[in-house]
């Protein structure tokens, strides 16, 4: 079926009298529907489509073929690490012993699952080079929020009032939101022309009111903050804490422990770094790792091993308490555990090495077609700019992204970081072949050429999708939430 051919609704293909399932005879006493539903509802049953199983299967398969996915498409999606993940991890997470668990089962009934969590906790502690990990937060943003709460509890315990948080201008957008939810105010630290934190600006803004600095390293420009040890010293000299947004751990995995360069608290995006492609808001998990002095304030319960068995430890009087219901996003943790165990330390090091090599390879080949605002080498991602194409031909970064869809490539992140005009952030990840990267370069070069010769084609892209370009401002302000 052509991508632009409408897929009819199930109600439009209704075949009265057909059925997709044969139910066994009921083994419970019959009940009058009117007693359960009320007379009006019982007399007018819902008008549901009647279809055989094959038609329902074809309907949803047709819809699935229109979706982009990491199994079918290349995702050079900067800042999100939308990489292909091994099917082995999916197999592990689908084992009945894991999927059939109930969160209220007694600890004695779930010792295997608790052992997995305990072991994963240990691996994440080693990778971070920090004292203890909490697996509770259900997403990266919640990991940020939990980290700020832990630091706030630490200072409250010391009787210190520190309402300020320092955040670089290239930070992830959720960082300021986490501060606002925690009752903190944000001071933005400007970057230098080289895209790194301005140490003079940091020194001018840090004070005895500073609780922490939230930093991403490598940063969102794809650059490693080479002054990170000095940044940590400046903060620590004023009693402040250094927080690491772990969204970009893909670049330094197995190469360096954040604890080695002075990090006090960090979060992982296990769904980015350790498997489970996470688009559309989930599923995800954002465990946090802390230095020794922050351990008492971690969420409860914590999984511990005592006398040969695994238990939930609630006896932490300085804990910030729960940050979510139950214990964590368990099946995401299973995937992360399988990923780490199957690769081992040599494999994790290779992940970061190949991600960095792939990014530098693409950046080197694409700088002849787009602006490269910051010099190489980069880390696992880099930013291009379509500013000159816009000035010369009226074609924006958004137009480039939309035309990529027609080539079967998911668009990268655009207009972020906001410090780069007409920004296109590219992250190839470590799981793509050289042939895929070369095709992406060829497509991007073709688009840059078509921006000169046929800019209107880019303005109206995509051309091959069921829904053409929408007014995104109107879609956000006046969404149509029903059919």
Protein backbone atom coordinates (compact mmCIF):
# COMPACT_ATOMS: atom_id res chain seq x y z
CA UNK A 1 0.00 0.00 0.00
CA UNK A 2 1.30 3.46 -0.91
CA UNK A 3 2.14 5.60 2.11
CA UNK A 4 -0.30 8.28 0.98
CA UNK A 5 -3.21 5.85 0.48
CA UNK A 6 -5.66 6.26 3.37
CA UNK A 7 -6.00 3.34 5.77
CA UNK A 8 -9.73 2.96 6.48
CA UNK A 9 -10.92 2.84 10.07
CA UNK A 10 -12.03 -0.50 11.45
CA UNK A 11 -15.57 0.86 11.65
CA UNK A 12 -15.43 1.61 7.92
CA UNK A 13 -14.50 -2.00 7.06
CA UNK A 14 -17.14 -3.53 9.31
CA UNK A 15 -18.30 -7.02 8.24
CA UNK A 16 -21.46 -7.74 10.27
CA UNK A 17 -21.69 -11.31 11.48
CA UNK A 18 -17.95 -11.98 11.50
CA UNK A 19 -15.88 -12.53 14.62
CA UNK A 20 -12.18 -12.64 15.36
CA UNK A 21 -12.35 -14.90 18.40
CA UNK A 22 -14.28 -17.94 19.59
CA UNK A 23 -15.02 -17.75 23.31
CA UNK A 24 -15.59 -20.88 25.41
CA UNK A 25 -18.89 -21.41 27.12
CA UNK A 26 -19.23 -19.36 30.28
CA UNK A 27 -18.56 -21.29 33.48
CA UNK A 28 -20.08 -18.62 35.77
CA UNK A 29 -23.78 -17.99 36.46
CA UNK A 30 -25.42 -15.67 33.91
CA UNK A 31 -26.07 -12.07 34.95
CA UNK A 32 -28.68 -9.71 33.56
CA UNK A 33 -26.70 -6.94 31.75
CA UNK A 34 -29.26 -4.39 32.91
CA UNK A 35 -28.33 -5.09 36.53
CA UNK A 36 -24.69 -4.30 35.83
CA UNK A 37 -24.86 -1.63 33.14
CA UNK A 38 -28.27 -0.12 33.70
CA UNK A 39 -31.28 -0.60 31.44
CA UNK A 40 -30.33 2.12 28.95
CA UNK A 41 -26.79 0.87 28.36
CA UNK A 42 -27.92 -2.76 28.25
CA UNK A 43 -30.54 -1.99 25.58
CA UNK A 44 -28.03 -0.15 23.39
CA UNK A 45 -24.75 -2.10 23.30
CA UNK A 46 -21.70 -0.26 21.90
CA UNK A 47 -21.52 -0.11 18.13
CA UNK A 48 -18.24 -1.97 17.75
CA UNK A 49 -16.89 -3.20 14.38
CA UNK A 50 -17.24 -6.89 13.58
CA UNK A 51 -14.19 -8.24 11.79
CA UNK A 52 -12.20 -11.47 11.46
CA UNK A 53 -8.76 -11.56 13.03
CA UNK A 54 -6.91 -11.34 9.71
CA UNK A 55 -8.52 -7.98 8.87
CA UNK A 56 -7.70 -6.54 12.28
CA UNK A 57 -4.11 -7.76 11.94
CA UNK A 58 -3.77 -6.23 8.47
CA UNK A 59 -5.20 -2.93 9.70
CA UNK A 60 -2.70 -2.50 12.49
CA UNK A 61 0.18 -3.82 10.40
CA UNK A 62 -0.63 -1.22 7.73
CA UNK A 63 -0.55 1.49 10.38
CA UNK A 64 2.73 0.15 11.79
CA UNK A 65 4.34 0.30 8.33
CA UNK A 66 3.75 4.04 8.32
CA UNK A 67 5.61 4.54 11.57
CA UNK A 68 9.32 5.18 11.78
CA UNK A 69 11.17 2.82 14.09
CA UNK A 70 14.74 1.92 14.93
CA UNK A 71 14.15 -1.47 13.31
CA UNK A 72 13.31 0.14 9.96
CA UNK A 73 14.93 3.57 9.91
CA UNK A 74 18.12 5.45 10.74
CA UNK A 75 17.68 7.82 13.70
CA UNK A 76 20.48 10.43 13.78
CA UNK A 77 18.63 11.99 16.68
CA UNK A 78 21.00 14.20 18.63
CA UNK A 79 20.60 14.34 22.43
CA UNK A 80 18.29 11.34 22.53
CA UNK A 81 20.48 8.31 21.70
CA UNK A 82 17.80 6.57 19.66
CA UNK A 83 20.03 3.63 18.84
CA UNK A 84 19.25 0.10 17.79
CA UNK A 85 19.17 -2.21 20.80
CA UNK A 86 19.79 -5.97 20.77
CA UNK A 87 16.77 -8.23 20.65
CA UNK A 88 18.43 -10.28 23.40
CA UNK A 89 17.48 -7.51 25.84
CA UNK A 90 13.84 -7.72 24.73
CA UNK A 91 13.92 -11.49 25.21
CA UNK A 92 15.21 -11.09 28.75
CA UNK A 93 12.59 -8.49 29.61
CA UNK A 94 9.79 -10.68 28.27
CA UNK A 95 10.56 -13.73 30.43
CA UNK A 96 7.38 -14.73 32.32
CA UNK A 97 9.22 -14.71 35.64
CA UNK A 98 9.67 -10.96 35.16
CA UNK A 99 6.53 -9.92 33.29
CA UNK A 100 4.18 -11.77 35.65
CA UNK A 101 5.47 -10.09 38.81
CA UNK A 102 3.14 -8.00 40.92
CA UNK A 103 4.66 -4.99 42.74
CA UNK A 104 2.99 -5.95 46.01
CA UNK A 105 4.43 -9.46 46.09
CA UNK A 106 6.37 -10.16 49.30
CA UNK A 107 10.13 -9.86 49.04
CA UNK A 108 10.54 -13.61 49.69
CA UNK A 109 8.59 -14.32 46.48
CA UNK A 110 10.69 -12.06 44.24
CA UNK A 111 14.23 -12.80 45.32
CA UNK A 112 15.42 -13.30 41.74
CA UNK A 113 14.10 -9.92 40.62
CA UNK A 114 15.57 -8.24 43.68
CA UNK A 115 18.92 -9.86 43.02
CA UNK A 116 18.87 -8.42 39.50
CA UNK A 117 18.15 -4.95 40.89
CA UNK A 118 20.87 -5.29 43.50
CA UNK A 119 23.44 -6.41 40.94
CA UNK A 120 22.42 -3.65 38.51
CA UNK A 121 22.76 -1.14 41.31
CA UNK A 122 26.32 -2.32 41.83
CA UNK A 123 27.22 -2.09 38.15
CA UNK A 124 25.85 1.46 37.89
CA UNK A 125 27.81 2.44 41.00
CA UNK A 126 31.02 1.13 39.39
CA UNK A 127 30.35 2.86 36.07
CA UNK A 128 29.70 6.18 37.87
CA UNK A 129 32.55 5.79 40.36
CA UNK A 130 30.16 6.87 43.11
CA UNK A 131 29.07 5.37 46.42
CA UNK A 132 25.44 4.34 45.92
CA UNK A 133 22.70 4.21 43.30
CA UNK A 134 18.94 4.55 43.69
CA UNK A 135 16.90 2.92 40.94
CA UNK A 136 13.65 4.70 41.81
CA UNK A 137 13.26 7.59 39.32
CA UNK A 138 11.09 6.64 36.36
CA UNK A 139 12.67 8.96 33.77
CA UNK A 140 15.70 11.15 33.19
CA UNK A 141 13.80 14.29 34.16
CA UNK A 142 12.64 12.63 37.37
CA UNK A 143 16.25 11.64 38.01
CA UNK A 144 17.21 15.32 37.75
CA UNK A 145 14.39 16.29 40.10
CA UNK A 146 15.32 13.58 42.59
CA UNK A 147 18.97 14.68 42.50
CA UNK A 148 18.02 18.26 43.35
CA UNK A 149 15.81 17.01 46.20
CA UNK A 150 18.65 14.90 47.59
CA UNK A 151 21.06 17.85 47.51
CA UNK A 152 18.41 20.10 49.09
CA UNK A 153 17.92 17.56 51.90
CA UNK A 154 21.68 17.44 52.43
CA UNK A 155 21.91 21.20 52.92
CA UNK A 156 18.75 21.31 55.04
CA UNK A 157 20.34 18.70 57.31
CA UNK A 158 23.35 21.00 57.65
CA UNK A 159 21.15 24.02 58.36
CA UNK A 160 22.22 25.81 55.19
CA UNK A 161 19.89 27.85 52.98
CA UNK A 162 21.05 27.47 49.38
CA UNK A 163 18.28 28.37 46.90
CA UNK A 164 20.45 28.97 43.83
CA UNK A 165 21.28 26.52 41.03
CA UNK A 166 23.77 27.29 38.27
CA UNK A 167 22.97 25.96 34.79
CA UNK A 168 24.99 26.44 31.57
CA UNK A 169 23.22 28.04 28.60
CA UNK A 170 23.68 24.80 26.63
CA UNK A 171 21.88 22.67 29.25
CA UNK A 172 18.95 20.36 28.65
CA UNK A 173 15.61 22.14 28.94
CA UNK A 174 14.38 19.93 31.76
CA UNK A 175 17.16 21.13 34.08
CA UNK A 176 15.51 24.50 34.89
CA UNK A 177 12.15 22.76 35.26
CA UNK A 178 13.59 20.39 37.87
CA UNK A 179 14.92 23.40 39.78
CA UNK A 180 11.57 25.20 39.68
CA UNK A 181 9.77 22.11 40.98
CA UNK A 182 12.30 21.94 43.81
CA UNK A 183 11.82 25.57 44.84
CA UNK A 184 15.17 26.72 43.48
CA UNK A 185 16.00 29.66 41.23
CA UNK A 186 18.33 29.37 38.25
CA UNK A 187 21.32 31.47 37.27
CA UNK A 188 22.47 30.84 33.71
CA UNK A 189 26.20 30.50 33.10
CA UNK A 190 27.25 31.63 29.65
CA UNK A 191 29.46 29.54 27.39
CA UNK A 192 32.62 30.74 25.72
CA UNK A 193 32.98 31.13 21.97
CA UNK A 194 34.44 27.62 22.02
CA UNK A 195 31.14 26.24 23.40
CA UNK A 196 32.49 25.44 26.87
CA UNK A 197 31.62 26.82 30.30
CA UNK A 198 33.09 30.25 30.97
CA UNK A 199 35.09 29.82 34.18
CA UNK A 200 35.10 33.56 34.87
CA UNK A 201 31.30 33.63 34.63
CA UNK A 202 31.13 30.65 36.98
CA UNK A 203 33.41 32.31 39.55
CA UNK A 204 31.36 35.51 39.36
CA UNK A 205 28.07 33.73 40.07
CA UNK A 206 28.88 30.97 42.54
CA UNK A 207 28.24 31.93 46.15
CA UNK A 208 27.36 30.59 49.57
CA UNK A 209 23.75 30.48 48.30
CA UNK A 210 24.63 28.04 45.50
CA UNK A 211 23.32 24.53 46.08
CA UNK A 212 24.63 22.91 42.94
CA UNK A 213 25.57 23.30 39.32
CA UNK A 214 23.76 21.12 36.78
CA UNK A 215 26.12 20.25 33.98
CA UNK A 216 25.99 17.88 31.02
CA UNK A 217 29.35 16.44 30.05
CA UNK A 218 29.83 16.02 27.16
CA UNK A 219 27.61 19.05 26.73
CA UNK A 220 24.75 19.43 24.29
CA UNK A 221 27.10 20.82 21.65
CA UNK A 222 28.88 17.47 21.68
CA UNK A 223 31.96 18.89 23.41
CA UNK A 224 33.74 17.52 26.48
CA UNK A 225 34.08 20.13 29.23
CA UNK A 226 37.84 19.89 29.55
CA UNK A 227 37.85 22.15 32.62
CA UNK A 228 35.45 19.88 34.50
CA UNK A 229 37.90 19.17 37.36
CA UNK A 230 38.44 22.90 37.85
CA UNK A 231 34.67 23.49 37.73
CA UNK A 232 34.25 20.92 40.49
CA UNK A 233 36.98 22.59 42.58
CA UNK A 234 35.38 26.05 42.22
CA UNK A 235 32.03 24.69 43.36
CA UNK A 236 33.40 22.61 46.20
CA UNK A 237 35.45 25.53 47.53
CA UNK A 238 32.13 27.33 48.09
CA UNK A 239 30.46 24.23 49.53
CA UNK A 240 28.28 23.67 46.45
CA UNK A 241 27.66 20.34 44.73
CA UNK A 242 28.33 19.24 41.15
CA UNK A 243 25.45 17.43 39.42
CA UNK A 244 25.94 15.58 36.14
CA UNK A 245 23.08 15.19 33.70
CA UNK A 246 23.82 11.68 32.44
CA UNK A 247 21.94 11.99 29.14
CA UNK A 248 25.23 11.88 27.24
CA UNK A 249 26.89 8.99 29.08
CA UNK A 250 26.91 7.19 25.73
CA UNK A 251 30.07 9.16 24.92
CA UNK A 252 32.17 8.33 27.99
CA UNK A 253 30.83 4.92 28.96
CA UNK A 254 33.62 2.76 30.36
CA UNK A 255 36.19 5.45 29.55
CA UNK A 256 35.97 7.64 32.65
CA UNK A 257 33.98 7.56 35.86
CA UNK A 258 32.16 10.84 36.62
CA UNK A 259 33.20 10.45 40.25
CA UNK A 260 36.79 10.84 39.06
CA UNK A 261 36.22 14.40 37.87
CA UNK A 262 34.39 15.58 40.95
CA UNK A 263 30.72 14.73 40.41
CA UNK A 264 28.68 14.50 43.63
CA UNK A 265 25.39 13.31 42.12
CA UNK A 266 24.28 12.24 38.66
CA UNK A 267 21.44 10.52 36.89
CA UNK A 268 21.51 7.87 34.20
CA UNK A 269 19.10 7.56 31.32
CA UNK A 270 19.21 3.78 31.31
CA UNK A 271 16.75 3.81 28.39
CA UNK A 272 19.29 5.79 26.35
CA UNK A 273 22.63 4.42 27.43
CA UNK A 274 21.75 0.83 28.27
CA UNK A 275 18.89 -0.13 25.91
CA UNK A 276 15.16 0.48 25.38
CA UNK A 277 14.47 3.05 22.64
CA UNK A 278 12.27 5.52 24.39
CA UNK A 279 10.42 7.90 22.06
CA UNK A 280 6.94 9.35 22.66
CA UNK A 281 7.41 9.79 26.40
CA UNK A 282 8.38 6.34 27.58
CA UNK A 283 9.19 3.91 28.86
CA UNK A 284 12.27 5.17 30.62
CA UNK A 285 14.22 5.09 33.84
CA UNK A 286 16.51 7.63 35.49
CA UNK A 287 18.50 6.08 38.37
CA UNK A 288 20.71 8.44 40.35
CA UNK A 289 24.20 7.85 41.75
CA UNK A 290 25.59 9.82 44.70
CA UNK A 291 28.83 10.35 46.57
CA UNK A 292 29.24 9.05 50.11
CA UNK A 293 28.00 12.18 51.89
CA UNK A 294 24.67 12.12 50.00
CA UNK A 295 23.82 8.46 50.64
CA UNK A 296 21.58 9.02 53.69
CA UNK A 297 19.18 11.15 51.64
CA UNK A 298 18.43 8.69 48.81
CA UNK A 299 14.82 7.56 48.24
CA UNK A 300 13.39 4.54 50.05
CA UNK A 301 13.03 1.65 49.87
CA UNK A 302 16.49 0.55 48.82
CA UNK A 303 17.25 -3.03 47.81
CA UNK A 304 19.90 -4.55 50.10
CA UNK A 305 21.48 -7.97 50.64
CA UNK A 306 21.43 -9.22 54.24
CA UNK A 307 22.16 -12.68 55.59
CA UNK A 308 22.04 -14.25 52.14
CA UNK A 309 18.69 -12.76 51.06
CA UNK A 310 17.49 -9.55 49.48
CA UNK A 311 15.33 -7.10 51.44
CA UNK A 312 13.73 -3.67 51.06
CA UNK A 313 15.42 -1.21 53.40
CA UNK A 314 13.08 1.51 54.69
CA UNK A 315 15.20 2.40 57.73
CA UNK A 316 16.76 5.60 56.42
CA UNK A 317 15.58 8.45 58.63
CA UNK A 318 17.14 11.21 56.48
CA UNK A 319 15.70 9.86 53.21
CA UNK A 320 13.65 12.15 50.96
CA UNK A 321 11.09 9.29 50.86
CA UNK A 322 9.44 7.86 47.78
CA UNK A 323 9.68 9.61 44.43
CA UNK A 324 7.26 7.29 42.65
CA UNK A 325 4.89 4.41 43.29
CA UNK A 326 6.37 0.95 43.72
CA UNK A 327 10.09 0.50 43.13
CA UNK A 328 11.11 1.51 39.59
CA UNK A 329 10.54 0.81 35.90
CA UNK A 330 11.46 -2.81 36.43
CA UNK A 331 11.47 -4.16 32.86
CA UNK A 332 13.60 -1.22 31.71
CA UNK A 333 16.05 -2.27 34.40
CA UNK A 334 16.01 -5.85 33.12
CA UNK A 335 16.98 -4.58 29.67
CA UNK A 336 19.76 -2.44 31.11
CA UNK A 337 21.08 -5.39 33.14
CA UNK A 338 21.07 -7.65 30.08
CA UNK A 339 22.86 -4.98 28.03
CA UNK A 340 25.60 -4.45 30.61
CA UNK A 341 26.13 -8.16 31.31
CA UNK A 342 26.22 -9.13 27.63
CA UNK A 343 28.79 -6.43 26.75
CA UNK A 344 30.98 -6.36 29.86
CA UNK A 345 33.48 -3.55 30.42
CA UNK A 346 35.31 -4.08 27.09
CA UNK A 347 31.99 -3.88 25.24
CA UNK A 348 30.87 -0.76 27.10
CA UNK A 349 34.16 0.94 26.23
CA UNK A 350 33.63 -0.02 22.60
CA UNK A 351 30.14 1.54 22.68
CA UNK A 352 31.56 4.96 23.52
CA UNK A 353 34.53 4.60 21.19
CA UNK A 354 32.40 3.77 18.17
CA UNK A 355 29.82 6.44 18.98
CA UNK A 356 32.57 9.08 19.08
CA UNK A 357 34.25 7.83 15.90
CA UNK A 358 30.92 7.76 14.03
CA UNK A 359 30.10 11.33 15.06
CA UNK A 360 33.48 12.67 14.01
CA UNK A 361 33.26 10.79 10.72
CA UNK A 362 29.91 12.37 9.89
CA UNK A 363 30.95 15.83 11.02
CA UNK A 364 34.07 15.69 8.85
CA UNK A 365 32.08 14.69 5.77
CA UNK A 366 29.18 17.11 6.32
CA UNK A 367 31.13 20.29 7.05
CA UNK A 368 31.50 20.92 3.31
CA UNK A 369 27.70 21.16 2.97
CA UNK A 370 26.61 22.83 6.24
CA UNK A 371 28.18 25.18 8.75
CA UNK A 372 30.11 23.46 11.54
CA UNK A 373 30.05 26.08 14.32
CA UNK A 374 32.54 24.33 16.61
CA UNK A 375 35.82 22.71 15.57
CA UNK A 376 36.45 18.99 15.75
CA UNK A 377 37.00 16.65 17.46
CA UNK A 378 33.55 16.25 18.95
CA UNK A 379 32.24 13.53 21.21
CA UNK A 380 29.22 11.33 20.37
CA UNK A 381 27.17 14.14 18.78
CA UNK A 382 27.76 17.42 17.00
CA UNK A 383 25.82 20.41 15.76
CA UNK A 384 25.53 21.72 12.24
CA UNK A 385 23.94 25.02 11.24
CA UNK A 386 21.79 25.72 8.18
CA UNK A 387 22.13 29.47 8.76
CA UNK A 388 23.95 30.14 5.47
CA UNK A 389 21.37 28.10 3.53
CA UNK A 390 18.61 30.14 5.11
CA UNK A 391 20.34 33.44 4.32
CA UNK A 392 21.13 32.50 0.72
CA UNK A 393 18.13 30.40 -0.28
CA UNK A 394 15.43 30.88 2.37
CA UNK A 395 15.61 27.23 3.46
CA UNK A 396 15.51 26.58 7.21
CA UNK A 397 16.78 23.74 9.36
CA UNK A 398 13.15 22.62 9.72
CA UNK A 399 12.86 22.27 5.92
CA UNK A 400 15.97 20.08 5.83
CA UNK A 401 14.53 17.90 8.60
CA UNK A 402 11.17 17.50 6.85
CA UNK A 403 12.72 16.40 3.55
CA UNK A 404 14.80 13.75 5.35
CA UNK A 405 11.51 11.97 6.07
CA UNK A 406 11.01 11.35 2.35
CA UNK A 407 14.32 9.46 2.32
CA UNK A 408 13.21 7.20 5.18
CA UNK A 409 15.51 8.89 7.70
CA UNK A 410 14.15 10.20 10.99
CA UNK A 411 14.97 13.90 11.33
CA UNK A 412 17.61 14.89 13.86
CA UNK A 413 16.90 17.38 16.62
CA UNK A 414 16.60 20.93 15.25
CA UNK A 415 16.79 24.33 16.94
CA UNK A 416 18.49 22.89 20.01
CA UNK A 417 20.68 24.01 21.61
CA UNK A 418 19.10 27.43 21.15
CA UNK A 419 22.54 29.06 21.24
CA UNK A 420 23.18 27.89 17.65
CA UNK A 421 21.04 29.53 14.92
CA UNK A 422 19.31 27.09 12.55
CA UNK A 423 20.80 24.26 14.59
CA UNK A 424 20.78 20.65 13.43
CA UNK A 425 22.06 18.28 16.11
CA UNK A 426 23.30 14.94 14.79
CA UNK A 427 24.02 11.80 16.79
CA UNK A 428 24.73 8.65 14.77
CA UNK A 429 25.20 6.35 17.84
CA UNK A 430 27.49 3.32 17.83
CA UNK A 431 25.07 0.86 16.28
CA UNK A 432 25.06 1.98 12.63
CA UNK A 433 27.22 0.69 9.78
CA UNK A 434 29.55 2.84 7.71
CA UNK A 435 27.24 2.22 4.73
CA UNK A 436 24.30 3.75 6.64
CA UNK A 437 26.40 6.75 7.65
CA UNK A 438 27.56 7.23 4.04
CA UNK A 439 23.98 7.15 2.80
CA UNK A 440 23.04 9.80 5.36
CA UNK A 441 25.90 12.01 4.13
CA UNK A 442 24.76 11.54 0.51
CA UNK A 443 21.17 12.45 1.40
CA UNK A 444 22.19 15.51 3.41
CA UNK A 445 24.44 16.65 0.55
CA UNK A 446 21.59 16.16 -1.94
CA UNK A 447 19.26 18.19 0.28
CA UNK A 448 21.83 21.01 0.55
CA UNK A 449 22.07 21.08 -3.26
CA UNK A 450 18.28 21.03 -3.70
CA UNK A 451 18.05 23.96 -1.29
CA UNK A 452 19.87 25.96 -3.97
CA UNK A 453 18.09 24.58 -7.04
CA UNK A 454 14.56 23.86 -5.78
CA UNK A 455 13.94 25.50 -2.40
CA UNK A 456 10.17 25.20 -2.79
CA UNK A 457 10.52 21.42 -2.67
CA UNK A 458 12.00 21.72 0.82
CA UNK A 459 9.42 24.27 1.93
CA UNK A 460 6.61 21.80 1.20
CA UNK A 461 8.27 18.59 2.39
CA UNK A 462 7.51 15.88 3.33
CA UNK A 463 5.87 14.67 0.11
CA UNK A 464 5.38 10.93 0.76
CA UNK A 465 3.64 10.89 4.14
CA UNK A 466 -0.11 10.44 4.79
CA UNK A 467 -0.15 13.78 6.63
CA UNK A 468 1.76 16.63 5.04
CA UNK A 469 3.41 19.42 6.96
CA UNK A 470 1.14 20.82 9.64
CA UNK A 471 1.00 24.22 11.28
CA UNK A 472 2.88 23.21 14.42
CA UNK A 473 2.05 26.43 16.29
CA UNK A 474 -1.68 25.93 15.72
CA UNK A 475 -1.37 22.22 16.51
CA UNK A 476 0.11 23.12 19.89
CA UNK A 477 -2.36 25.88 20.68
CA UNK A 478 -5.52 24.38 19.22
CA UNK A 479 -5.01 20.61 19.12
CA UNK A 480 -7.71 18.38 17.65
CA UNK A 481 -7.93 15.61 20.21
CA UNK A 482 -10.80 13.64 18.70
CA UNK A 483 -11.65 12.26 15.27
